[in-house]
């Protein structure tokens, strides 16, 4: 019989982190009913160590969809309706800077960081 167990890593404290988008991957849903986007950001923790903070979203790109909101922050502007309908290559966002509002959640499998929101960098950065 296969043996599985939860893996718990120490989450970073909740707060705002200056970050850079490292990559976006389209992944198959564990339920086998489609795909989702996996977003990986690089940031530095309070000890100045480089960390990876990840989040997921749907592949929908409507006006109120999370990936569109995040993409617009990373682009630094609102997409026009025409641009959104034409679609965009999200790989072009790699390297873009932002601020991540990070929370901490506890689940049956452990305690994890979650991206609560993606914000633009401060104007002086």
C-alpha atoms as a PDB file:
ATOM      1  CA  UNK A   1       0.000   0.000   0.000  1.00  0.00           C
ATOM      2  CA  UNK A   2       1.436   3.440  -0.882  1.00  0.00           C
ATOM      3  CA  UNK A   3       2.360   5.574   2.090  1.00  0.00           C
ATOM      4  CA  UNK A   4       1.937   9.350   1.858  1.00  0.00           C
ATOM      5  CA  UNK A   5       2.321  12.153   4.347  1.00  0.00           C
ATOM      6  CA  UNK A   6       1.987  15.885   4.414  1.00  0.00           C
ATOM      7  CA  UNK A   7       5.125  17.959   4.050  1.00  0.00           C
ATOM      8  CA  UNK A   8       5.210  21.119   6.096  1.00  0.00           C
ATOM      9  CA  UNK A   9       7.645  23.901   5.435  1.00  0.00           C
ATOM     10  CA  UNK A  10       7.847  26.977   7.552  1.00  0.00           C
ATOM     11  CA  UNK A  11       5.859  29.704   5.836  1.00  0.00           C
ATOM     12  CA  UNK A  12       7.153  33.238   5.562  1.00  0.00           C
ATOM     13  CA  UNK A  13       5.442  35.768   7.844  1.00  0.00           C
ATOM     14  CA  UNK A  14       2.395  37.494   6.401  1.00  0.00           C
ATOM     15  CA  UNK A  15       3.211  40.860   4.876  1.00  0.00           C
ATOM     16  CA  UNK A  16       4.138  42.731   1.718  1.00  0.00           C
ATOM     17  CA  UNK A  17       7.119  41.473  -0.293  1.00  0.00           C
ATOM     18  CA  UNK A  18       8.821  43.132  -3.246  1.00  0.00           C
ATOM     19  CA  UNK A  19       8.965  40.436  -5.928  1.00  0.00           C
ATOM     20  CA  UNK A  20       9.749  39.618  -9.527  1.00  0.00           C
ATOM     21  CA  UNK A  21       7.743  37.227 -11.670  1.00  0.00           C
ATOM     22  CA  UNK A  22       9.991  34.267 -12.457  1.00  0.00           C
ATOM     23  CA  UNK A  23       7.686  32.131 -14.581  1.00  0.00           C
ATOM     24  CA  UNK A  24       4.143  31.049 -15.344  1.00  0.00           C
ATOM     25  CA  UNK A  25       3.383  27.423 -16.156  1.00  0.00           C
ATOM     26  CA  UNK A  26       0.197  25.917 -17.511  1.00  0.00           C
ATOM     27  CA  UNK A  27      -0.446  22.717 -15.585  1.00  0.00           C
ATOM     28  CA  UNK A  28      -2.983  19.925 -15.767  1.00  0.00           C
ATOM     29  CA  UNK A  29      -5.597  19.960 -13.037  1.00  0.00           C
ATOM     30  CA  UNK A  30      -5.192  17.119 -10.508  1.00  0.00           C
ATOM     31  CA  UNK A  31      -8.885  16.369 -11.051  1.00  0.00           C
ATOM     32  CA  UNK A  32      -8.209  15.878 -14.778  1.00  0.00           C
ATOM     33  CA  UNK A  33     -10.827  18.428 -15.787  1.00  0.00           C
ATOM     34  CA  UNK A  34      -8.674  21.068 -17.448  1.00  0.00           C
ATOM     35  CA  UNK A  35      -5.656  23.238 -16.786  1.00  0.00           C
ATOM     36  CA  UNK A  36      -4.640  26.024 -14.431  1.00  0.00           C
ATOM     37  CA  UNK A  37      -1.825  28.579 -14.248  1.00  0.00           C
ATOM     38  CA  UNK A  38       1.022  28.209 -11.744  1.00  0.00           C
ATOM     39  CA  UNK A  39       2.704  31.576 -11.001  1.00  0.00           C
ATOM     40  CA  UNK A  40       6.209  31.608  -9.447  1.00  0.00           C
ATOM     41  CA  UNK A  41       7.668  34.813  -8.012  1.00  0.00           C
ATOM     42  CA  UNK A  42      11.138  35.447  -6.584  1.00  0.00           C
ATOM     43  CA  UNK A  43      11.397  37.635  -3.484  1.00  0.00           C
ATOM     44  CA  UNK A  44      13.613  38.128  -0.444  1.00  0.00           C
ATOM     45  CA  UNK A  45      12.518  37.280   3.073  1.00  0.00           C
ATOM     46  CA  UNK A  46      13.330  39.228   6.229  1.00  0.00           C
ATOM     47  CA  UNK A  47      16.692  37.409   6.419  1.00  0.00           C
ATOM     48  CA  UNK A  48      17.454  38.668   2.861  1.00  0.00           C
ATOM     49  CA  UNK A  49      17.369  35.089   1.534  1.00  0.00           C
ATOM     50  CA  UNK A  50      15.900  34.535  -1.921  1.00  0.00           C
ATOM     51  CA  UNK A  51      12.587  32.724  -1.695  1.00  0.00           C
ATOM     52  CA  UNK A  52      10.000  31.499  -4.153  1.00  0.00           C
ATOM     53  CA  UNK A  53       6.386  32.442  -3.579  1.00  0.00           C
ATOM     54  CA  UNK A  54       3.830  30.661  -5.720  1.00  0.00           C
ATOM     55  CA  UNK A  55       0.183  31.024  -6.524  1.00  0.00           C
ATOM     56  CA  UNK A  56      -2.360  29.521  -8.873  1.00  0.00           C
ATOM     57  CA  UNK A  57      -5.136  30.873 -11.035  1.00  0.00           C
ATOM     58  CA  UNK A  58      -7.567  29.751 -13.653  1.00  0.00           C
ATOM     59  CA  UNK A  59      -6.810  30.226 -17.327  1.00  0.00           C
ATOM     60  CA  UNK A  60      -9.791  32.541 -17.746  1.00  0.00           C
ATOM     61  CA  UNK A  61      -8.934  36.064 -18.855  1.00  0.00           C
ATOM     62  CA  UNK A  62     -12.187  38.019 -18.391  1.00  0.00           C
ATOM     63  CA  UNK A  63     -12.235  41.519 -16.861  1.00  0.00           C
ATOM     64  CA  UNK A  64     -12.501  40.291 -13.248  1.00  0.00           C
ATOM     65  CA  UNK A  65     -10.349  37.154 -13.587  1.00  0.00           C
ATOM     66  CA  UNK A  66      -7.296  36.844 -11.318  1.00  0.00           C
ATOM     67  CA  UNK A  67      -4.760  36.211 -14.123  1.00  0.00           C
ATOM     68  CA  UNK A  68      -5.886  39.307 -15.980  1.00  0.00           C
ATOM     69  CA  UNK A  69      -5.676  41.458 -12.839  1.00  0.00           C
ATOM     70  CA  UNK A  70      -2.209  40.111 -12.048  1.00  0.00           C
ATOM     71  CA  UNK A  71      -1.045  40.543 -15.669  1.00  0.00           C
ATOM     72  CA  UNK A  72      -2.225  44.159 -15.710  1.00  0.00           C
ATOM     73  CA  UNK A  73      -0.292  44.935 -12.519  1.00  0.00           C
ATOM     74  CA  UNK A  74       2.830  43.347 -13.985  1.00  0.00           C
ATOM     75  CA  UNK A  75       2.359  45.246 -17.268  1.00  0.00           C
ATOM     76  CA  UNK A  76       1.789  48.489 -15.393  1.00  0.00           C
ATOM     77  CA  UNK A  77      -1.402  49.287 -17.272  1.00  0.00           C
ATOM     78  CA  UNK A  78      -4.925  48.151 -18.030  1.00  0.00           C
ATOM     79  CA  UNK A  79      -5.378  45.978 -21.076  1.00  0.00           C
ATOM     80  CA  UNK A  80      -7.750  47.240 -23.726  1.00  0.00           C
ATOM     81  CA  UNK A  81     -10.710  45.067 -24.626  1.00  0.00           C
ATOM     82  CA  UNK A  82      -9.105  44.402 -28.004  1.00  0.00           C
ATOM     83  CA  UNK A  83      -5.827  43.301 -26.387  1.00  0.00           C
ATOM     84  CA  UNK A  84      -7.641  41.002 -23.976  1.00  0.00           C
ATOM     85  CA  UNK A  85      -9.697  39.433 -26.764  1.00  0.00           C
ATOM     86  CA  UNK A  86      -6.582  38.939 -28.912  1.00  0.00           C
ATOM     87  CA  UNK A  87      -4.876  37.232 -25.959  1.00  0.00           C
ATOM     88  CA  UNK A  88      -1.351  37.639 -24.714  1.00  0.00           C
ATOM     89  CA  UNK A  89       1.754  35.560 -24.183  1.00  0.00           C
ATOM     90  CA  UNK A  90       2.100  35.533 -20.402  1.00  0.00           C
ATOM     91  CA  UNK A  91       5.766  34.513 -20.718  1.00  0.00           C
ATOM     92  CA  UNK A  92       6.420  38.127 -21.739  1.00  0.00           C
ATOM     93  CA  UNK A  93       5.669  39.139 -18.139  1.00  0.00           C
ATOM     94  CA  UNK A  94       8.689  37.250 -16.742  1.00  0.00           C
ATOM     95  CA  UNK A  95      11.040  39.634 -14.948  1.00  0.00           C
ATOM     96  CA  UNK A  96       8.342  42.188 -14.166  1.00  0.00           C
ATOM     97  CA  UNK A  97       8.404  43.615 -10.648  1.00  0.00           C
ATOM     98  CA  UNK A  98       5.536  43.925  -8.202  1.00  0.00           C
ATOM     99  CA  UNK A  99       4.609  43.732  -4.545  1.00  0.00           C
ATOM    100  CA  UNK A 100       2.967  40.588  -3.189  1.00  0.00           C
ATOM    101  CA  UNK A 101       0.617  40.672  -0.240  1.00  0.00           C
ATOM    102  CA  UNK A 102       1.252  37.317   1.402  1.00  0.00           C
ATOM    103  CA  UNK A 103      -0.961  35.597   3.904  1.00  0.00           C
ATOM    104  CA  UNK A 104      -0.625  32.384   5.875  1.00  0.00           C
ATOM    105  CA  UNK A 105      -3.268  29.647   5.817  1.00  0.00           C
ATOM    106  CA  UNK A 106      -3.530  26.395   7.720  1.00  0.00           C
ATOM    107  CA  UNK A 107      -4.897  23.338   5.936  1.00  0.00           C
ATOM    108  CA  UNK A 108      -5.046  19.635   6.752  1.00  0.00           C
ATOM    109  CA  UNK A 109      -1.732  19.193   4.924  1.00  0.00           C
ATOM    110  CA  UNK A 110       0.153  21.976   6.716  1.00  0.00           C
ATOM    111  CA  UNK A 111       0.643  25.717   6.996  1.00  0.00           C
ATOM    112  CA  UNK A 112       1.246  27.586   3.747  1.00  0.00           C
ATOM    113  CA  UNK A 113       1.747  31.019   2.246  1.00  0.00           C
ATOM    114  CA  UNK A 114      -0.896  32.332  -0.135  1.00  0.00           C
ATOM    115  CA  UNK A 115      -0.770  35.310  -2.460  1.00  0.00           C
ATOM    116  CA  UNK A 116      -3.624  37.537  -1.326  1.00  0.00           C
ATOM    117  CA  UNK A 117      -2.971  40.200  -3.966  1.00  0.00           C
ATOM    118  CA  UNK A 118      -0.451  41.474  -6.481  1.00  0.00           C
ATOM    119  CA  UNK A 119       0.230  45.208  -6.302  1.00  0.00           C
ATOM    120  CA  UNK A 120       2.311  47.564  -8.402  1.00  0.00           C
ATOM    121  CA  UNK A 121       5.713  48.647  -7.143  1.00  0.00           C
ATOM    122  CA  UNK A 122       5.851  51.932  -5.292  1.00  0.00           C
ATOM    123  CA  UNK A 123       6.435  54.832  -7.674  1.00  0.00           C
ATOM    124  CA  UNK A 124       9.902  55.487  -6.204  1.00  0.00           C
ATOM    125  CA  UNK A 125      11.100  51.917  -6.942  1.00  0.00           C
END
